[in-house]
Amino acid sequence: MKSQILINSILSLLMALMPSAGFCQSSDRNYVRTQTMLNGQGTKIKTEIQYYDALGRPDLSGDYEIELVMGYWVFTGFISLF
């Protein structure tokens, strides 16, 4: 029960903080996503996303980390969003 509450709260936080439907790739808006493994086992990952406008200029960027804990991917938080 406790783990289900944790999973629900993490999913709610992700959905609230990542309005990805408004920033998806289209003909006038593109992005580059880079994932970096932070440890040798590949259980901690940093993801960086850089959005570009139609002319190729940087528009919006952000990055966050996720970690594999007891078989579940856990969102460890935003590092930046600018």
N, C-alpha and C. Protein backbone atom coordinates (compact mmCIF):
# COMPACT_ATOMS: atom_id res chain seq x y z
N MET A 1 0.83 -1.20 0.00
CA MET A 1 0.00 0.00 0.00
C MET A 1 0.87 1.26 0.00
N LYS A 2 1.92 1.22 0.84
CA LYS A 2 2.81 2.37 0.93
C LYS A 2 3.53 2.62 -0.40
N SER A 3 3.96 1.54 -1.07
CA SER A 3 4.65 1.70 -2.35
C SER A 3 3.71 2.22 -3.43
N GLN A 4 2.44 1.81 -3.38
CA GLN A 4 1.46 2.29 -4.36
C GLN A 4 1.23 3.79 -4.20
N ILE A 5 1.20 4.27 -2.98
CA ILE A 5 1.05 5.71 -2.74
C ILE A 5 2.26 6.46 -3.27
N LEU A 6 3.46 5.89 -3.05
CA LEU A 6 4.69 6.51 -3.55
C LEU A 6 4.68 6.57 -5.08
N ILE A 7 4.30 5.48 -5.72
CA ILE A 7 4.25 5.44 -7.18
C ILE A 7 3.24 6.45 -7.70
N ASN A 8 2.06 6.52 -7.09
CA ASN A 8 1.04 7.47 -7.53
C ASN A 8 1.51 8.90 -7.37
N SER A 9 2.19 9.20 -6.26
CA SER A 9 2.65 10.57 -6.05
C SER A 9 3.75 10.94 -7.04
N ILE A 10 4.63 10.00 -7.36
CA ILE A 10 5.69 10.27 -8.33
C ILE A 10 5.09 10.49 -9.71
N LEU A 11 4.15 9.65 -10.10
CA LEU A 11 3.50 9.82 -11.41
C LEU A 11 2.76 11.15 -11.49
N SER A 12 2.09 11.54 -10.41
CA SER A 12 1.39 12.82 -10.39
C SER A 12 2.36 13.98 -10.54
N LEU A 13 3.50 13.87 -9.85
CA LEU A 13 4.52 14.92 -9.95
C LEU A 13 5.07 15.02 -11.36
N LEU A 14 5.36 13.88 -11.97
CA LEU A 14 5.86 13.88 -13.34
C LEU A 14 4.87 14.50 -14.31
N MET A 15 3.62 14.15 -14.17
CA MET A 15 2.60 14.68 -15.08
C MET A 15 2.41 16.18 -14.89
N ALA A 16 2.56 16.65 -13.66
CA ALA A 16 2.40 18.08 -13.40
C ALA A 16 3.58 18.89 -13.89
N LEU A 17 4.78 18.34 -13.78
CA LEU A 17 5.98 19.11 -14.11
C LEU A 17 6.44 18.97 -15.55
N MET A 18 5.92 18.00 -16.28
CA MET A 18 6.40 17.77 -17.64
C MET A 18 5.26 17.87 -18.66
N PRO A 19 4.88 19.08 -19.03
CA PRO A 19 3.83 19.22 -20.04
C PRO A 19 4.37 18.94 -21.44
N SER A 20 4.72 17.70 -21.68
CA SER A 20 5.40 17.35 -22.93
C SER A 20 4.49 17.45 -24.15
N ALA A 21 3.19 17.38 -23.98
CA ALA A 21 2.30 17.46 -25.14
C ALA A 21 2.42 18.81 -25.83
N GLY A 22 2.71 19.86 -25.07
CA GLY A 22 2.86 21.18 -25.64
C GLY A 22 4.21 21.41 -26.29
N PHE A 23 5.19 20.56 -26.02
CA PHE A 23 6.53 20.76 -26.52
C PHE A 23 7.03 19.58 -27.34
N CYS A 24 6.17 18.89 -28.01
CA CYS A 24 6.62 17.73 -28.79
C CYS A 24 7.18 18.19 -30.14
N GLN A 25 7.89 17.28 -30.78
CA GLN A 25 8.55 17.61 -32.04
C GLN A 25 7.52 17.80 -33.15
N SER A 26 7.71 18.82 -33.95
CA SER A 26 6.82 19.10 -35.07
C SER A 26 7.65 19.72 -36.18
N SER A 27 6.99 20.17 -37.24
CA SER A 27 7.73 20.72 -38.38
C SER A 27 8.38 22.06 -38.06
N ASP A 28 7.88 22.78 -37.05
CA ASP A 28 8.48 24.07 -36.71
C ASP A 28 9.12 24.08 -35.32
N ARG A 29 9.18 22.95 -34.66
CA ARG A 29 9.77 22.88 -33.32
C ARG A 29 10.43 21.51 -33.17
N ASN A 30 11.74 21.47 -32.95
CA ASN A 30 12.47 20.23 -32.83
C ASN A 30 13.19 20.17 -31.49
N TYR A 31 13.66 18.97 -31.14
CA TYR A 31 14.41 18.84 -29.89
C TYR A 31 15.50 17.78 -30.03
N VAL A 32 16.47 17.88 -29.13
CA VAL A 32 17.53 16.89 -29.01
C VAL A 32 17.50 16.39 -27.57
N ARG A 33 17.42 15.05 -27.41
CA ARG A 33 17.41 14.47 -26.07
C ARG A 33 18.70 13.66 -25.90
N THR A 34 19.41 13.94 -24.81
CA THR A 34 20.67 13.27 -24.52
C THR A 34 20.53 12.56 -23.17
N GLN A 35 20.84 11.26 -23.14
CA GLN A 35 20.79 10.52 -21.88
C GLN A 35 22.21 10.10 -21.52
N THR A 36 22.58 10.34 -20.26
CA THR A 36 23.90 10.02 -19.76
C THR A 36 23.77 9.10 -18.55
N MET A 37 24.45 7.96 -18.58
CA MET A 37 24.46 7.06 -17.42
C MET A 37 25.43 7.61 -16.40
N LEU A 38 24.99 7.68 -15.14
CA LEU A 38 25.81 8.26 -14.10
C LEU A 38 26.56 7.23 -13.27
N ASN A 39 26.30 5.94 -13.50
CA ASN A 39 27.06 4.90 -12.81
C ASN A 39 27.28 3.73 -13.77
N GLY A 40 28.14 2.82 -13.37
CA GLY A 40 28.52 1.71 -14.23
C GLY A 40 27.42 0.70 -14.49
N GLN A 41 26.47 0.57 -13.58
CA GLN A 41 25.39 -0.40 -13.74
C GLN A 41 24.26 0.11 -14.63
N GLY A 42 24.23 1.39 -14.91
CA GLY A 42 23.17 1.97 -15.73
C GLY A 42 21.86 2.13 -14.98
N THR A 43 21.93 2.24 -13.66
CA THR A 43 20.72 2.38 -12.86
C THR A 43 20.42 3.82 -12.49
N LYS A 44 21.28 4.75 -12.86
CA LYS A 44 21.04 6.17 -12.61
C LYS A 44 21.31 6.91 -13.91
N ILE A 45 20.30 7.62 -14.41
CA ILE A 45 20.37 8.25 -15.73
C ILE A 45 20.01 9.73 -15.62
N LYS A 46 20.80 10.56 -16.29
CA LYS A 46 20.49 11.99 -16.41
C LYS A 46 20.03 12.22 -17.84
N THR A 47 18.89 12.86 -18.00
CA THR A 47 18.33 13.14 -19.32
C THR A 47 18.29 14.65 -19.53
N GLU A 48 18.85 15.10 -20.63
CA GLU A 48 18.84 16.52 -21.00
C GLU A 48 18.02 16.67 -22.28
N ILE A 49 17.16 17.68 -22.31
CA ILE A 49 16.33 17.95 -23.49
C ILE A 49 16.54 19.40 -23.90
N GLN A 50 16.88 19.63 -25.16
CA GLN A 50 17.06 20.98 -25.71
C GLN A 50 16.08 21.15 -26.86
N TYR A 51 15.18 22.12 -26.75
CA TYR A 51 14.21 22.41 -27.80
C TYR A 51 14.74 23.54 -28.67
N TYR A 52 14.41 23.49 -29.97
CA TYR A 52 14.83 24.50 -30.93
C TYR A 52 13.61 25.01 -31.69
N ASP A 53 13.66 26.29 -32.08
CA ASP A 53 12.56 26.84 -32.87
C ASP A 53 12.78 26.50 -34.34
N ALA A 54 11.94 27.05 -35.22
CA ALA A 54 11.98 26.72 -36.65
C ALA A 54 13.27 27.15 -37.34
N LEU A 55 13.97 28.11 -36.77
CA LEU A 55 15.21 28.59 -37.36
C LEU A 55 16.45 27.92 -36.74
N GLY A 56 16.26 26.97 -35.86
CA GLY A 56 17.37 26.26 -35.26
C GLY A 56 17.98 26.92 -34.05
N ARG A 57 17.31 27.93 -33.51
CA ARG A 57 17.82 28.61 -32.32
C ARG A 57 17.34 27.89 -31.07
N PRO A 58 18.18 27.79 -30.05
CA PRO A 58 17.73 27.17 -28.79
C PRO A 58 16.55 27.93 -28.22
N ASP A 59 15.54 27.21 -27.79
CA ASP A 59 14.31 27.82 -27.31
C ASP A 59 14.08 27.53 -25.82
N LEU A 60 14.19 26.27 -25.44
CA LEU A 60 13.90 25.85 -24.07
C LEU A 60 14.75 24.62 -23.79
N SER A 61 15.25 24.51 -22.58
CA SER A 61 16.01 23.32 -22.23
C SER A 61 15.74 22.94 -20.78
N GLY A 62 15.98 21.69 -20.46
CA GLY A 62 15.79 21.21 -19.12
C GLY A 62 16.45 19.86 -18.96
N ASP A 63 16.70 19.48 -17.72
CA ASP A 63 17.25 18.16 -17.49
C ASP A 63 16.75 17.62 -16.15
N TYR A 64 16.73 16.30 -16.05
CA TYR A 64 16.25 15.62 -14.86
C TYR A 64 16.97 14.30 -14.71
N GLU A 65 16.86 13.70 -13.51
CA GLU A 65 17.51 12.42 -13.25
C GLU A 65 16.48 11.39 -12.83
N ILE A 66 16.70 10.14 -13.24
CA ILE A 66 15.90 9.01 -12.77
C ILE A 66 16.85 7.93 -12.29
N GLU A 67 16.37 7.11 -11.37
CA GLU A 67 17.21 6.07 -10.78
C GLU A 67 16.40 4.80 -10.60
N LEU A 68 17.02 3.65 -10.83
CA LEU A 68 16.38 2.36 -10.65
C LEU A 68 16.54 1.95 -9.19
N VAL A 69 15.40 1.87 -8.46
CA VAL A 69 15.42 1.50 -7.05
C VAL A 69 14.48 0.32 -6.85
N MET A 70 15.01 -0.81 -6.44
CA MET A 70 14.23 -2.02 -6.16
C MET A 70 13.33 -2.40 -7.33
N GLY A 71 13.84 -2.28 -8.55
CA GLY A 71 13.10 -2.68 -9.73
C GLY A 71 12.17 -1.63 -10.31
N TYR A 72 12.12 -0.43 -9.71
CA TYR A 72 11.25 0.64 -10.20
C TYR A 72 12.10 1.85 -10.56
N TRP A 73 11.73 2.51 -11.66
CA TRP A 73 12.41 3.76 -12.02
C TRP A 73 11.83 4.87 -11.17
N VAL A 74 12.67 5.58 -10.44
CA VAL A 74 12.26 6.63 -9.52
C VAL A 74 12.78 7.97 -10.04
N PHE A 75 11.88 8.92 -10.16
CA PHE A 75 12.21 10.29 -10.60
C PHE A 75 12.88 11.00 -9.42
N THR A 76 14.13 11.42 -9.59
CA THR A 76 14.85 12.04 -8.48
C THR A 76 14.82 13.56 -8.55
N GLY A 77 14.18 14.13 -9.55
CA GLY A 77 13.96 15.57 -9.57
C GLY A 77 14.57 16.29 -10.76
N PHE A 78 14.05 17.50 -10.98
CA PHE A 78 14.58 18.37 -12.01
C PHE A 78 15.89 18.98 -11.54
N ILE A 79 16.82 19.08 -12.43
CA ILE A 79 18.05 19.79 -12.14
C ILE A 79 17.86 21.25 -12.57
N SER A 80 17.31 21.44 -13.75
CA SER A 80 17.04 22.80 -14.22
C SER A 80 16.00 22.77 -15.33
N LEU A 81 15.35 23.89 -15.48
CA LEU A 81 14.41 24.09 -16.58
C LEU A 81 14.45 25.55 -16.93
N PHE A 82 15.02 25.87 -18.07
CA PHE A 82 15.16 27.27 -18.47
C PHE A 82 14.96 27.44 -19.94
